[in-house]
Amino acid sequence: MDQPVELIPLTCPKCATPIPAQPEEIAWACSGCGEGLVLNQENGVSLMKMHYQAGLDPNGTGRPFWVVEAQVAVSRQTYSGNQAAEAAQFWSQPRRFFIPAFACPLETVLTLGPQMLLQPPELKEGPRAPFAPVTVAIHDVQPMVEFIVVAVEAGRKDKLKQVQVEVKPSEPALWILP
């Protein structure tokens, strides 16, 4: 049986303010009550905690990042050289990953991801500020974390033949960073 298409207006579940969503956007801050909002396919728009980094320029535009703690296990094979011990040491503790949640080229993820993994910014709450559109869905976080792990392992000074990665991430949080 054919079902008609039903269009549901996007509104804040807390205060019913309309959300001026653009086609690729998946998260917003409500202009009425300030609550963080996320679009999910099952429930439509849901409330979501958003974190704003202290020191954001209130007249600038922050960049959204999915931040996730993850335990990583790596199994590697090399053609020559062997930095498996260094890799095991590095991944022996949970790591904090910063996944760009804004539209950017893959090269930016390859630059920012490992850089912020190795030198993570301090996360300190601050006041709300404007931010770039959030276009990377939460279900894309784990594959991006795996991608960053492979990039880190490929950057080691041995001749990597094969790497297997297992990632156990926490629930991602959305942070707006400078």
N, C-alpha and C. Protein backbone atom coordinates (compact mmCIF):
# COMPACT_ATOMS: atom_id res chain seq x y z
N MET A 1 0.84 -1.17 0.00
CA MET A 1 0.00 0.00 0.00
C MET A 1 0.89 1.24 0.00
N ASP A 2 0.58 2.19 -0.84
CA ASP A 2 1.35 3.43 -0.93
C ASP A 2 1.01 4.34 0.23
N GLN A 3 2.07 4.80 0.88
CA GLN A 3 1.91 5.75 1.98
C GLN A 3 2.30 7.13 1.46
N PRO A 4 1.52 8.15 1.77
CA PRO A 4 1.91 9.49 1.35
C PRO A 4 3.13 9.94 2.16
N VAL A 5 3.94 10.77 1.53
CA VAL A 5 5.10 11.34 2.21
C VAL A 5 4.59 12.36 3.22
N GLU A 6 5.07 12.24 4.44
CA GLU A 6 4.66 13.18 5.48
C GLU A 6 5.85 14.05 5.84
N LEU A 7 5.70 15.34 5.67
CA LEU A 7 6.74 16.28 6.04
C LEU A 7 6.48 16.75 7.47
N ILE A 8 7.49 16.64 8.28
CA ILE A 8 7.37 17.05 9.68
C ILE A 8 8.26 18.25 9.87
N PRO A 9 7.69 19.37 10.34
CA PRO A 9 8.53 20.54 10.54
C PRO A 9 9.53 20.30 11.68
N LEU A 10 10.74 20.81 11.51
CA LEU A 10 11.75 20.67 12.55
C LEU A 10 11.57 21.78 13.57
N THR A 11 11.24 21.37 14.79
CA THR A 11 11.08 22.31 15.88
C THR A 11 11.78 21.79 17.12
N CYS A 12 12.14 22.70 17.98
CA CYS A 12 12.79 22.33 19.24
C CYS A 12 11.79 21.57 20.10
N PRO A 13 12.16 20.38 20.60
CA PRO A 13 11.25 19.61 21.44
C PRO A 13 10.99 20.27 22.80
N LYS A 14 11.84 21.21 23.19
CA LYS A 14 11.67 21.87 24.49
C LYS A 14 10.76 23.09 24.41
N CYS A 15 10.99 23.95 23.39
CA CYS A 15 10.23 25.21 23.33
C CYS A 15 9.44 25.41 22.04
N ALA A 16 9.53 24.48 21.10
CA ALA A 16 8.79 24.49 19.84
C ALA A 16 9.25 25.58 18.86
N THR A 17 10.40 26.17 19.08
CA THR A 17 10.94 27.16 18.13
C THR A 17 11.33 26.43 16.84
N PRO A 18 10.93 26.96 15.68
CA PRO A 18 11.34 26.33 14.41
C PRO A 18 12.86 26.35 14.25
N ILE A 19 13.38 25.29 13.66
CA ILE A 19 14.81 25.17 13.41
C ILE A 19 15.06 25.52 11.95
N PRO A 20 15.85 26.56 11.70
CA PRO A 20 16.14 26.94 10.30
C PRO A 20 17.24 26.05 9.72
N ALA A 21 16.91 24.80 9.49
CA ALA A 21 17.89 23.81 9.05
C ALA A 21 18.21 23.95 7.57
N GLN A 22 19.49 23.73 7.26
CA GLN A 22 19.94 23.67 5.88
C GLN A 22 20.06 22.18 5.51
N PRO A 23 20.08 21.84 4.23
CA PRO A 23 20.02 20.44 3.80
C PRO A 23 21.02 19.48 4.44
N GLU A 24 22.27 19.83 4.64
CA GLU A 24 23.26 18.89 5.16
C GLU A 24 23.41 18.92 6.68
N GLU A 25 22.78 19.85 7.35
CA GLU A 25 22.95 20.01 8.78
C GLU A 25 22.26 18.91 9.58
N ILE A 26 22.89 18.53 10.68
CA ILE A 26 22.30 17.48 11.52
C ILE A 26 22.26 17.85 13.01
N ALA A 27 22.79 19.02 13.39
CA ALA A 27 22.73 19.46 14.79
C ALA A 27 22.70 20.98 14.83
N TRP A 28 22.05 21.51 15.86
CA TRP A 28 21.88 22.95 16.00
C TRP A 28 21.80 23.33 17.48
N ALA A 29 21.89 24.62 17.72
CA ALA A 29 21.54 25.18 19.02
C ALA A 29 20.23 25.94 18.79
N CYS A 30 19.23 25.66 19.62
CA CYS A 30 17.93 26.32 19.47
C CYS A 30 18.09 27.82 19.68
N SER A 31 17.54 28.60 18.75
CA SER A 31 17.63 30.06 18.88
C SER A 31 16.67 30.59 19.94
N GLY A 32 15.72 29.75 20.37
CA GLY A 32 14.78 30.18 21.41
C GLY A 32 15.29 29.92 22.81
N CYS A 33 15.58 28.65 23.11
CA CYS A 33 15.97 28.27 24.48
C CYS A 33 17.45 27.95 24.63
N GLY A 34 18.18 27.83 23.51
CA GLY A 34 19.61 27.57 23.57
C GLY A 34 19.99 26.11 23.69
N GLU A 35 19.03 25.21 23.79
CA GLU A 35 19.33 23.78 23.92
C GLU A 35 20.02 23.25 22.66
N GLY A 36 20.90 22.26 22.86
CA GLY A 36 21.51 21.57 21.74
C GLY A 36 20.50 20.58 21.16
N LEU A 37 20.47 20.50 19.85
CA LEU A 37 19.51 19.64 19.15
C LEU A 37 20.26 18.79 18.13
N VAL A 38 19.80 17.57 17.95
CA VAL A 38 20.40 16.69 16.96
C VAL A 38 19.28 15.97 16.20
N LEU A 39 19.50 15.78 14.92
CA LEU A 39 18.55 15.06 14.07
C LEU A 39 18.92 13.59 14.06
N ASN A 40 17.98 12.73 14.40
CA ASN A 40 18.21 11.29 14.24
C ASN A 40 17.04 10.70 13.48
N GLN A 41 17.32 9.66 12.74
CA GLN A 41 16.33 9.11 11.82
C GLN A 41 15.14 8.47 12.53
N GLU A 42 15.34 7.98 13.76
CA GLU A 42 14.25 7.31 14.47
C GLU A 42 13.28 8.29 15.11
N ASN A 43 13.82 9.33 15.77
CA ASN A 43 12.98 10.21 16.59
C ASN A 43 12.83 11.62 16.06
N GLY A 44 13.41 11.94 14.93
CA GLY A 44 13.38 13.31 14.47
C GLY A 44 14.40 14.13 15.23
N VAL A 45 14.00 15.24 15.81
CA VAL A 45 14.90 16.12 16.55
C VAL A 45 14.86 15.76 18.03
N SER A 46 16.05 15.58 18.61
CA SER A 46 16.17 15.26 20.04
C SER A 46 17.07 16.29 20.70
N LEU A 47 16.91 16.41 22.01
CA LEU A 47 17.80 17.27 22.77
C LEU A 47 19.16 16.61 22.89
N MET A 48 20.21 17.42 22.91
CA MET A 48 21.58 16.92 23.02
C MET A 48 22.40 17.98 23.74
N LYS A 49 23.22 17.55 24.66
CA LYS A 49 24.11 18.47 25.37
C LYS A 49 25.20 18.93 24.42
N MET A 50 25.38 20.25 24.31
CA MET A 50 26.46 20.83 23.53
C MET A 50 27.42 21.50 24.49
N HIS A 51 28.70 21.38 24.20
CA HIS A 51 29.72 21.98 25.04
C HIS A 51 30.43 23.05 24.22
N TYR A 52 30.67 24.18 24.86
CA TYR A 52 31.36 25.30 24.21
C TYR A 52 32.68 25.52 24.93
N GLN A 53 33.76 25.56 24.19
CA GLN A 53 35.10 25.75 24.76
C GLN A 53 35.22 27.17 25.31
N ALA A 54 35.77 27.28 26.50
CA ALA A 54 36.06 28.60 27.06
C ALA A 54 36.99 29.34 26.11
N GLY A 55 36.79 30.63 25.98
CA GLY A 55 37.66 31.43 25.13
C GLY A 55 37.19 31.56 23.69
N LEU A 56 36.03 31.00 23.37
CA LEU A 56 35.51 31.18 22.01
C LEU A 56 35.19 32.66 21.78
N ASP A 57 35.49 33.14 20.59
CA ASP A 57 35.18 34.51 20.24
C ASP A 57 33.68 34.63 19.99
N PRO A 58 32.96 35.44 20.80
CA PRO A 58 31.51 35.55 20.61
C PRO A 58 31.12 36.17 19.28
N ASN A 59 32.07 36.85 18.62
CA ASN A 59 31.80 37.44 17.31
C ASN A 59 32.35 36.59 16.17
N GLY A 60 33.03 35.49 16.51
CA GLY A 60 33.59 34.60 15.50
C GLY A 60 32.70 33.39 15.29
N THR A 61 33.25 32.40 14.63
CA THR A 61 32.53 31.16 14.36
C THR A 61 33.38 30.00 14.84
N GLY A 62 32.88 29.28 15.86
CA GLY A 62 33.57 28.11 16.36
C GLY A 62 33.44 26.94 15.39
N ARG A 63 34.25 25.92 15.63
CA ARG A 63 34.20 24.71 14.79
C ARG A 63 33.71 23.55 15.65
N PRO A 64 32.70 22.82 15.17
CA PRO A 64 32.18 21.70 15.95
C PRO A 64 33.03 20.44 15.76
N PHE A 65 33.27 19.72 16.86
CA PHE A 65 34.01 18.46 16.85
C PHE A 65 33.25 17.45 17.69
N TRP A 66 33.16 16.22 17.20
CA TRP A 66 32.72 15.11 18.02
C TRP A 66 33.93 14.69 18.85
N VAL A 67 33.78 14.63 20.14
CA VAL A 67 34.87 14.24 21.03
C VAL A 67 34.49 12.91 21.66
N VAL A 68 35.39 11.94 21.55
CA VAL A 68 35.10 10.59 22.04
C VAL A 68 36.35 10.01 22.68
N GLU A 69 36.15 9.34 23.80
CA GLU A 69 37.22 8.56 24.43
C GLU A 69 37.11 7.16 23.84
N ALA A 70 38.23 6.56 23.51
CA ALA A 70 38.19 5.23 22.91
C ALA A 70 39.37 4.39 23.38
N GLN A 71 39.07 3.13 23.64
CA GLN A 71 40.12 2.14 23.88
C GLN A 71 40.43 1.54 22.52
N VAL A 72 41.69 1.49 22.17
CA VAL A 72 42.11 1.03 20.84
C VAL A 72 43.03 -0.17 20.99
N ALA A 73 42.79 -1.18 20.19
CA ALA A 73 43.68 -2.33 20.09
C ALA A 73 44.17 -2.41 18.65
N VAL A 74 45.48 -2.56 18.48
CA VAL A 74 46.08 -2.58 17.15
C VAL A 74 46.91 -3.84 17.00
N SER A 75 46.75 -4.50 15.87
CA SER A 75 47.59 -5.63 15.51
C SER A 75 48.27 -5.26 14.19
N ARG A 76 49.60 -5.30 14.18
CA ARG A 76 50.33 -4.83 13.01
C ARG A 76 51.31 -5.87 12.49
N GLN A 77 51.52 -5.84 11.18
CA GLN A 77 52.56 -6.62 10.52
C GLN A 77 53.38 -5.65 9.69
N THR A 78 54.68 -5.90 9.64
CA THR A 78 55.55 -5.00 8.89
C THR A 78 56.41 -5.78 7.89
N TYR A 79 56.87 -5.07 6.86
CA TYR A 79 57.83 -5.64 5.92
C TYR A 79 59.22 -5.62 6.56
N SER A 80 59.51 -4.50 7.22
CA SER A 80 60.80 -4.39 7.91
C SER A 80 60.65 -3.37 9.02
N GLY A 81 61.57 -3.45 9.99
CA GLY A 81 61.43 -2.60 11.16
C GLY A 81 60.24 -3.11 11.95
N ASN A 82 60.15 -2.75 13.18
CA ASN A 82 59.00 -3.20 13.97
C ASN A 82 58.80 -2.24 15.12
N GLN A 83 57.74 -1.48 15.03
CA GLN A 83 57.41 -0.55 16.10
C GLN A 83 56.16 -1.00 16.83
N ALA A 84 55.94 -2.30 16.87
CA ALA A 84 54.76 -2.85 17.56
C ALA A 84 54.78 -2.52 19.04
N ALA A 85 55.95 -2.53 19.67
CA ALA A 85 56.04 -2.22 21.10
C ALA A 85 55.65 -0.77 21.36
N GLU A 86 56.12 0.14 20.52
CA GLU A 86 55.75 1.55 20.67
C GLU A 86 54.25 1.75 20.45
N ALA A 87 53.71 1.06 19.45
CA ALA A 87 52.27 1.15 19.18
C ALA A 87 51.47 0.61 20.36
N ALA A 88 51.88 -0.55 20.89
CA ALA A 88 51.17 -1.15 22.02
C ALA A 88 51.22 -0.22 23.23
N GLN A 89 52.35 0.40 23.47
CA GLN A 89 52.49 1.34 24.59
C GLN A 89 51.56 2.54 24.40
N PHE A 90 51.56 3.10 23.19
CA PHE A 90 50.73 4.28 22.93
C PHE A 90 49.25 3.99 23.12
N TRP A 91 48.79 2.85 22.60
CA TRP A 91 47.37 2.52 22.66
C TRP A 91 46.98 1.78 23.94
N SER A 92 47.89 1.64 24.90
CA SER A 92 47.58 0.89 26.12
C SER A 92 46.60 1.61 27.04
N GLN A 93 46.39 2.88 26.82
CA GLN A 93 45.43 3.63 27.62
C GLN A 93 44.39 4.26 26.70
N PRO A 94 43.19 4.53 27.22
CA PRO A 94 42.17 5.18 26.38
C PRO A 94 42.69 6.52 25.85
N ARG A 95 42.29 6.84 24.66
CA ARG A 95 42.70 8.08 24.01
C ARG A 95 41.48 8.92 23.67
N ARG A 96 41.68 10.24 23.65
CA ARG A 96 40.60 11.17 23.30
C ARG A 96 40.78 11.59 21.84
N PHE A 97 39.74 11.36 21.06
CA PHE A 97 39.75 11.70 19.64
C PHE A 97 38.85 12.90 19.38
N PHE A 98 39.29 13.75 18.47
CA PHE A 98 38.53 14.92 18.04
C PHE A 98 38.21 14.74 16.57
N ILE A 99 36.94 14.52 16.27
CA ILE A 99 36.50 14.27 14.90
C ILE A 99 35.80 15.52 14.38
N PRO A 100 36.32 16.14 13.31
CA PRO A 100 35.64 17.32 12.77
C PRO A 100 34.18 16.98 12.43
N ALA A 101 33.26 17.79 12.95
CA ALA A 101 31.84 17.58 12.69
C ALA A 101 31.34 18.57 11.65
N PHE A 102 32.25 19.29 11.04
CA PHE A 102 31.92 20.27 10.01
C PHE A 102 32.42 19.75 8.67
N ALA A 103 31.88 20.29 7.59
CA ALA A 103 32.29 19.87 6.25
C ALA A 103 33.75 20.28 6.02
N CYS A 104 34.56 19.28 5.70
CA CYS A 104 35.97 19.54 5.41
C CYS A 104 36.49 18.40 4.54
N PRO A 105 37.57 18.66 3.81
CA PRO A 105 38.15 17.60 2.99
C PRO A 105 38.80 16.52 3.87
N LEU A 106 38.92 15.32 3.33
CA LEU A 106 39.52 14.21 4.04
C LEU A 106 40.95 14.55 4.49
N GLU A 107 41.66 15.35 3.73
CA GLU A 107 43.01 15.76 4.11
C GLU A 107 43.00 16.53 5.43
N THR A 108 41.95 17.31 5.68
CA THR A 108 41.83 18.04 6.94
C THR A 108 41.65 17.08 8.10
N VAL A 109 40.85 16.04 7.91
CA VAL A 109 40.68 15.02 8.95
C VAL A 109 42.01 14.34 9.21
N LEU A 110 42.77 14.05 8.15
CA LEU A 110 44.08 13.41 8.29
C LEU A 110 45.10 14.30 8.99
N THR A 111 44.92 15.60 8.91
CA THR A 111 45.82 16.53 9.59
C THR A 111 45.35 16.79 11.02
N LEU A 112 44.10 17.21 11.16
CA LEU A 112 43.58 17.57 12.49
C LEU A 112 43.45 16.37 13.43
N GLY A 113 42.96 15.25 12.92
CA GLY A 113 42.72 14.08 13.77
C GLY A 113 43.95 13.62 14.53
N PRO A 114 45.03 13.25 13.85
CA PRO A 114 46.25 12.84 14.57
C PRO A 114 46.86 13.97 15.39
N GLN A 115 46.84 15.20 14.87
CA GLN A 115 47.41 16.34 15.60
C GLN A 115 46.69 16.53 16.93
N MET A 116 45.36 16.50 16.93
CA MET A 116 44.60 16.71 18.15
C MET A 116 44.63 15.48 19.06
N LEU A 117 44.88 14.32 18.50
CA LEU A 117 45.05 13.11 19.30
C LEU A 117 46.35 13.20 20.09
N LEU A 118 47.42 13.63 19.43
CA LEU A 118 48.73 13.69 20.06
C LEU A 118 48.90 14.92 20.96
N GLN A 119 48.20 16.00 20.64
CA GLN A 119 48.25 17.22 21.44
C GLN A 119 46.82 17.72 21.66
N PRO A 120 46.06 17.02 22.52
CA PRO A 120 44.65 17.37 22.70
C PRO A 120 44.47 18.72 23.38
N PRO A 121 43.53 19.51 22.89
CA PRO A 121 43.24 20.77 23.57
C PRO A 121 42.55 20.48 24.91
N GLU A 122 42.76 21.37 25.85
CA GLU A 122 42.08 21.24 27.14
C GLU A 122 40.61 21.58 26.92
N LEU A 123 39.74 20.75 27.45
CA LEU A 123 38.30 20.98 27.31
C LEU A 123 37.80 21.66 28.58
N LYS A 124 37.47 22.93 28.43
CA LYS A 124 36.98 23.73 29.55
C LYS A 124 35.73 24.46 29.09
N GLU A 125 34.64 24.24 29.80
CA GLU A 125 33.35 24.82 29.41
C GLU A 125 33.38 26.34 29.43
N GLY A 126 32.70 26.92 28.46
CA GLY A 126 32.57 28.37 28.36
C GLY A 126 31.17 28.73 27.90
N PRO A 127 30.94 30.00 27.62
CA PRO A 127 29.61 30.44 27.18
C PRO A 127 29.34 30.05 25.73
N ARG A 128 28.07 30.05 25.38
CA ARG A 128 27.67 29.74 24.01
C ARG A 128 28.25 30.75 23.02
N ALA A 129 28.44 30.28 21.82
CA ALA A 129 28.96 31.12 20.74
C ALA A 129 28.49 30.54 19.42
N PRO A 130 28.49 31.34 18.36
CA PRO A 130 28.11 30.82 17.04
C PRO A 130 29.10 29.76 16.58
N PHE A 131 28.63 28.83 15.74
CA PHE A 131 29.50 27.77 15.23
C PHE A 131 29.13 27.39 13.82
N ALA A 132 30.10 26.80 13.13
CA ALA A 132 29.90 26.33 11.76
C ALA A 132 28.87 25.21 11.75
N PRO A 133 28.19 25.00 10.64
CA PRO A 133 27.18 23.94 10.57
C PRO A 133 27.75 22.56 10.89
N VAL A 134 26.99 21.79 11.66
CA VAL A 134 27.35 20.41 12.00
C VAL A 134 26.79 19.53 10.89
N THR A 135 27.69 18.86 10.15
CA THR A 135 27.26 18.07 9.00
C THR A 135 27.71 16.61 9.07
N VAL A 136 28.51 16.25 10.07
CA VAL A 136 28.98 14.87 10.22
C VAL A 136 28.13 14.19 11.29
N ALA A 137 27.45 13.11 10.90
CA ALA A 137 26.55 12.42 11.81
C ALA A 137 27.31 11.62 12.85
N ILE A 138 26.67 11.41 13.97
CA ILE A 138 27.28 10.70 15.09
C ILE A 138 27.67 9.27 14.71
N HIS A 139 26.92 8.63 13.81
CA HIS A 139 27.25 7.26 13.40
C HIS A 139 28.51 7.20 12.53
N ASP A 140 29.02 8.34 12.09
CA ASP A 140 30.27 8.38 11.32
C ASP A 140 31.51 8.51 12.21
N VAL A 141 31.30 8.67 13.51
CA VAL A 141 32.43 8.91 14.41
C VAL A 141 33.35 7.69 14.50
N GLN A 142 32.81 6.50 14.72
CA GLN A 142 33.67 5.32 14.86
C GLN A 142 34.52 5.06 13.62
N PRO A 143 33.95 5.07 12.41
CA PRO A 143 34.82 4.88 11.24
C PRO A 143 35.90 5.96 11.11
N MET A 144 35.58 7.19 11.53
CA MET A 144 36.58 8.26 11.47
C MET A 144 37.69 8.02 12.50
N VAL A 145 37.33 7.53 13.70
CA VAL A 145 38.33 7.18 14.70
C VAL A 145 39.25 6.10 14.15
N GLU A 146 38.67 5.06 13.55
CA GLU A 146 39.47 3.98 12.97
C GLU A 146 40.40 4.52 11.89
N PHE A 147 39.91 5.44 11.09
CA PHE A 147 40.70 6.07 10.03
C PHE A 147 41.90 6.81 10.62
N ILE A 148 41.68 7.54 11.71
CA ILE A 148 42.75 8.28 12.37
C ILE A 148 43.78 7.32 12.96
N VAL A 149 43.32 6.22 13.57
CA VAL A 149 44.25 5.24 14.12
C VAL A 149 45.14 4.67 13.01
N VAL A 150 44.56 4.33 11.88
CA VAL A 150 45.34 3.80 10.76
C VAL A 150 46.34 4.86 10.28
N ALA A 151 45.92 6.12 10.24
CA ALA A 151 46.84 7.20 9.82
C ALA A 151 48.01 7.31 10.79
N VAL A 152 47.74 7.20 12.09
CA VAL A 152 48.82 7.27 13.08
C VAL A 152 49.77 6.10 12.89
N GLU A 153 49.22 4.91 12.71
CA GLU A 153 50.06 3.71 12.54
C GLU A 153 50.86 3.76 11.23
N ALA A 154 50.27 4.28 10.18
CA ALA A 154 50.98 4.40 8.91
C ALA A 154 52.12 5.41 9.00
N GLY A 155 52.02 6.34 9.94
CA GLY A 155 53.06 7.35 10.10
C GLY A 155 54.26 6.90 10.92
N ARG A 156 54.21 5.69 11.48
CA ARG A 156 55.36 5.19 12.25
C ARG A 156 56.52 4.92 11.29
N LYS A 157 57.72 4.84 11.83
CA LYS A 157 58.93 4.76 11.00
C LYS A 157 59.32 3.33 10.62
N ASP A 158 58.39 2.40 10.63
CA ASP A 158 58.68 1.07 10.09
C ASP A 158 57.92 0.93 8.78
N LYS A 159 58.09 -0.18 8.11
CA LYS A 159 57.41 -0.38 6.83
C LYS A 159 56.19 -1.26 7.07
N LEU A 160 55.08 -0.61 7.31
CA LEU A 160 53.83 -1.28 7.66
C LEU A 160 53.28 -2.07 6.49
N LYS A 161 52.97 -3.32 6.73
CA LYS A 161 52.38 -4.17 5.71
C LYS A 161 50.87 -4.24 5.92
N GLN A 162 50.44 -4.44 7.16
CA GLN A 162 49.02 -4.62 7.45
C GLN A 162 48.76 -4.17 8.88
N VAL A 163 47.59 -3.60 9.09
CA VAL A 163 47.19 -3.21 10.44
C VAL A 163 45.71 -3.55 10.63
N GLN A 164 45.40 -4.10 11.78
CA GLN A 164 44.01 -4.35 12.15
C GLN A 164 43.72 -3.51 13.38
N VAL A 165 42.58 -2.88 13.37
CA VAL A 165 42.22 -1.93 14.42
C VAL A 165 40.88 -2.33 15.03
N GLU A 166 40.84 -2.33 16.36
CA GLU A 166 39.59 -2.54 17.09
C GLU A 166 39.41 -1.34 18.00
N VAL A 167 38.26 -0.69 17.88
CA VAL A 167 37.99 0.53 18.63
C VAL A 167 36.73 0.32 19.48
N LYS A 168 36.84 0.68 20.76
CA LYS A 168 35.69 0.65 21.66
C LYS A 168 35.48 2.07 22.16
N PRO A 169 34.61 2.84 21.46
CA PRO A 169 34.43 4.25 21.82
C PRO A 169 33.36 4.46 22.90
N SER A 170 33.50 5.58 23.60
CA SER A 170 32.45 6.05 24.49
C SER A 170 31.40 6.78 23.64
N GLU A 171 30.37 7.26 24.27
CA GLU A 171 29.36 8.06 23.57
C GLU A 171 29.98 9.40 23.17
N PRO A 172 29.93 9.78 21.89
CA PRO A 172 30.51 11.05 21.47
C PRO A 172 29.78 12.25 22.07
N ALA A 173 30.53 13.30 22.33
CA ALA A 173 29.98 14.57 22.80
C ALA A 173 30.34 15.64 21.76
N LEU A 174 29.46 16.58 21.58
CA LEU A 174 29.71 17.65 20.61
C LEU A 174 30.32 18.86 21.33
N TRP A 175 31.51 19.22 20.91
CA TRP A 175 32.20 20.39 21.46
C TRP A 175 32.39 21.42 20.35
N ILE A 176 32.21 22.67 20.71
CA ILE A 176 32.47 23.77 19.79
C ILE A 176 33.82 24.35 20.23
N LEU A 177 34.80 24.29 19.33
CA LEU A 177 36.16 24.72 19.63
C LEU A 177 36.54 25.90 18.73
N PRO A 178 37.57 26.65 19.17
CA PRO A 178 38.00 27.80 18.33
C PRO A 178 38.56 27.35 16.99
